[in-house]
Amino acid sequence: MKDTSRTNEQLFNRKLMEISPEERLSMACGMFSAARELVRAGITSMGEISASELRAEIFLRLYGRDFDRAELSRILAQIKGA
């Protein structure tokens, strides 16, 4: 679903391109940090969890679809063993 008019979308894109690359990178990093904190809050709201389990759950929610089962198992074992 797209509810933004073409004119507004073009205006938004033009304004975004007026921002320096450094500022755009900073915005992206800030948005990623905010998303990570929302993920963390969602996980911890379900109860106590160890630090390594928390790292594993955050990894799964952010990157779990990017790897096959074997690769995920290997990565999670490393995260939990750290």
C-alpha atoms as a PDB file:
ATOM      1  CA  MET A   1       0.000   0.000   0.000  1.00  0.00           C
ATOM      2  CA  LYS A   2       1.285   3.406  -0.878  1.00  0.00           C
ATOM      3  CA  ASP A   3      -0.501   6.478   0.414  1.00  0.00           C
ATOM      4  CA  THR A   4       2.091   9.128  -0.427  1.00  0.00           C
ATOM      5  CA  SER A   5       1.445  11.293  -3.449  1.00  0.00           C
ATOM      6  CA  ARG A   6       4.059  11.328  -6.186  1.00  0.00           C
ATOM      7  CA  THR A   7       4.672  15.038  -5.557  1.00  0.00           C
ATOM      8  CA  ASN A   8       5.328  14.499  -1.843  1.00  0.00           C
ATOM      9  CA  GLU A   9       7.527  11.508  -2.528  1.00  0.00           C
ATOM     10  CA  GLN A  10       9.638  13.554  -4.954  1.00  0.00           C
ATOM     11  CA  LEU A  11       9.865  16.397  -2.427  1.00  0.00           C
ATOM     12  CA  PHE A  12      10.959  13.989   0.301  1.00  0.00           C
ATOM     13  CA  ASN A  13      13.607  12.425  -1.952  1.00  0.00           C
ATOM     14  CA  ARG A  14      14.910  15.839  -3.024  1.00  0.00           C
ATOM     15  CA  LYS A  15      15.160  16.998   0.606  1.00  0.00           C
ATOM     16  CA  LEU A  16      16.884  13.758   1.596  1.00  0.00           C
ATOM     17  CA  MET A  17      19.467  14.201  -1.153  1.00  0.00           C
ATOM     18  CA  GLU A  18      20.188  17.720   0.125  1.00  0.00           C
ATOM     19  CA  ILE A  19      21.464  16.206   3.370  1.00  0.00           C
ATOM     20  CA  SER A  20      25.174  15.395   3.391  1.00  0.00           C
ATOM     21  CA  PRO A  21      26.214  11.732   3.109  1.00  0.00           C
ATOM     22  CA  GLU A  22      27.614  11.930   6.634  1.00  0.00           C
ATOM     23  CA  GLU A  23      24.279  13.148   8.004  1.00  0.00           C
ATOM     24  CA  ARG A  24      22.381  10.446   6.105  1.00  0.00           C
ATOM     25  CA  LEU A  25      24.728   7.808   7.526  1.00  0.00           C
ATOM     26  CA  SER A  26      24.215   9.229  11.012  1.00  0.00           C
ATOM     27  CA  MET A  27      20.431   9.095  10.525  1.00  0.00           C
ATOM     28  CA  ALA A  28      20.620   5.485   9.360  1.00  0.00           C
ATOM     29  CA  CYS A  29      22.783   4.505  12.334  1.00  0.00           C
ATOM     30  CA  GLY A  30      20.359   6.211  14.696  1.00  0.00           C
ATOM     31  CA  MET A  31      17.393   4.394  13.156  1.00  0.00           C
ATOM     32  CA  PHE A  32      19.209   1.053  13.429  1.00  0.00           C
ATOM     33  CA  SER A  33      20.035   1.725  17.083  1.00  0.00           C
ATOM     34  CA  ALA A  34      16.413   2.603  17.785  1.00  0.00           C
ATOM     35  CA  ALA A  35      15.215  -0.572  16.046  1.00  0.00           C
ATOM     36  CA  ARG A  36      17.697  -2.665  18.029  1.00  0.00           C
ATOM     37  CA  GLU A  37      16.457  -1.148  21.294  1.00  0.00           C
ATOM     38  CA  LEU A  38      12.848  -1.920  20.336  1.00  0.00           C
ATOM     39  CA  VAL A  39      13.847  -5.527  19.619  1.00  0.00           C
ATOM     40  CA  ARG A  40      15.687  -5.703  22.959  1.00  0.00           C
ATOM     41  CA  ALA A  41      12.671  -4.293  24.803  1.00  0.00           C
ATOM     42  CA  GLY A  42      10.365  -6.813  23.155  1.00  0.00           C
ATOM     43  CA  ILE A  43      12.586  -9.721  24.139  1.00  0.00           C
ATOM     44  CA  THR A  44      13.207  -8.610  27.718  1.00  0.00           C
ATOM     45  CA  SER A  45       9.514  -7.874  28.270  1.00  0.00           C
ATOM     46  CA  MET A  46       8.901 -11.630  28.117  1.00  0.00           C
ATOM     47  CA  GLY A  47      10.988 -12.270  31.229  1.00  0.00           C
ATOM     48  CA  GLU A  48      14.500 -12.889  32.480  1.00  0.00           C
ATOM     49  CA  ILE A  49      17.065 -13.916  29.894  1.00  0.00           C
ATOM     50  CA  SER A  50      20.845 -14.316  30.034  1.00  0.00           C
ATOM     51  CA  ALA A  51      23.092 -11.894  28.180  1.00  0.00           C
ATOM     52  CA  SER A  52      24.160 -14.527  25.654  1.00  0.00           C
ATOM     53  CA  GLU A  53      20.543 -15.601  25.029  1.00  0.00           C
ATOM     54  CA  LEU A  54      19.595 -11.951  24.571  1.00  0.00           C
ATOM     55  CA  ARG A  55      22.371 -11.480  21.984  1.00  0.00           C
ATOM     56  CA  ALA A  56      21.221 -14.644  20.192  1.00  0.00           C
ATOM     57  CA  GLU A  57      17.587 -13.531  20.129  1.00  0.00           C
ATOM     58  CA  ILE A  58      18.496 -10.070  18.863  1.00  0.00           C
ATOM     59  CA  PHE A  59      20.616 -11.674  16.139  1.00  0.00           C
ATOM     60  CA  LEU A  60      17.768 -13.999  15.156  1.00  0.00           C
ATOM     61  CA  ARG A  61      15.235 -11.197  14.921  1.00  0.00           C
ATOM     62  CA  LEU A  62      17.506  -8.923  12.918  1.00  0.00           C
ATOM     63  CA  TYR A  63      19.335 -11.425  10.702  1.00  0.00           C
ATOM     64  CA  GLY A  64      17.655 -14.814  11.121  1.00  0.00           C
ATOM     65  CA  ARG A  65      16.198 -14.859   7.609  1.00  0.00           C
ATOM     66  CA  ASP A  66      19.557 -14.146   5.990  1.00  0.00           C
ATOM     67  CA  PHE A  67      21.113 -17.553   6.712  1.00  0.00           C
ATOM     68  CA  ASP A  68      20.252 -21.208   6.168  1.00  0.00           C
ATOM     69  CA  ARG A  69      19.660 -23.481   9.180  1.00  0.00           C
ATOM     70  CA  ALA A  70      23.199 -24.868   9.297  1.00  0.00           C
ATOM     71  CA  GLU A  71      24.783 -21.431   9.167  1.00  0.00           C
ATOM     72  CA  LEU A  72      22.345 -20.100  11.784  1.00  0.00           C
ATOM     73  CA  SER A  73      23.177 -22.965  14.119  1.00  0.00           C
ATOM     74  CA  ARG A  74      26.905 -22.288  13.769  1.00  0.00           C
ATOM     75  CA  ILE A  75      26.494 -18.558  14.353  1.00  0.00           C
ATOM     76  CA  LEU A  76      24.176 -19.015  17.347  1.00  0.00           C
ATOM     77  CA  ALA A  77      26.585 -21.495  18.924  1.00  0.00           C
ATOM     78  CA  GLN A  78      29.334 -18.881  18.663  1.00  0.00           C
ATOM     79  CA  ILE A  79      27.135 -16.130  20.065  1.00  0.00           C
ATOM     80  CA  LYS A  80      26.018 -18.251  23.000  1.00  0.00           C
ATOM     81  CA  GLY A  81      29.585 -19.412  23.654  1.00  0.00           C
ATOM     82  CA  ALA A  82      30.999 -15.891  23.734  1.00  0.00           C
END
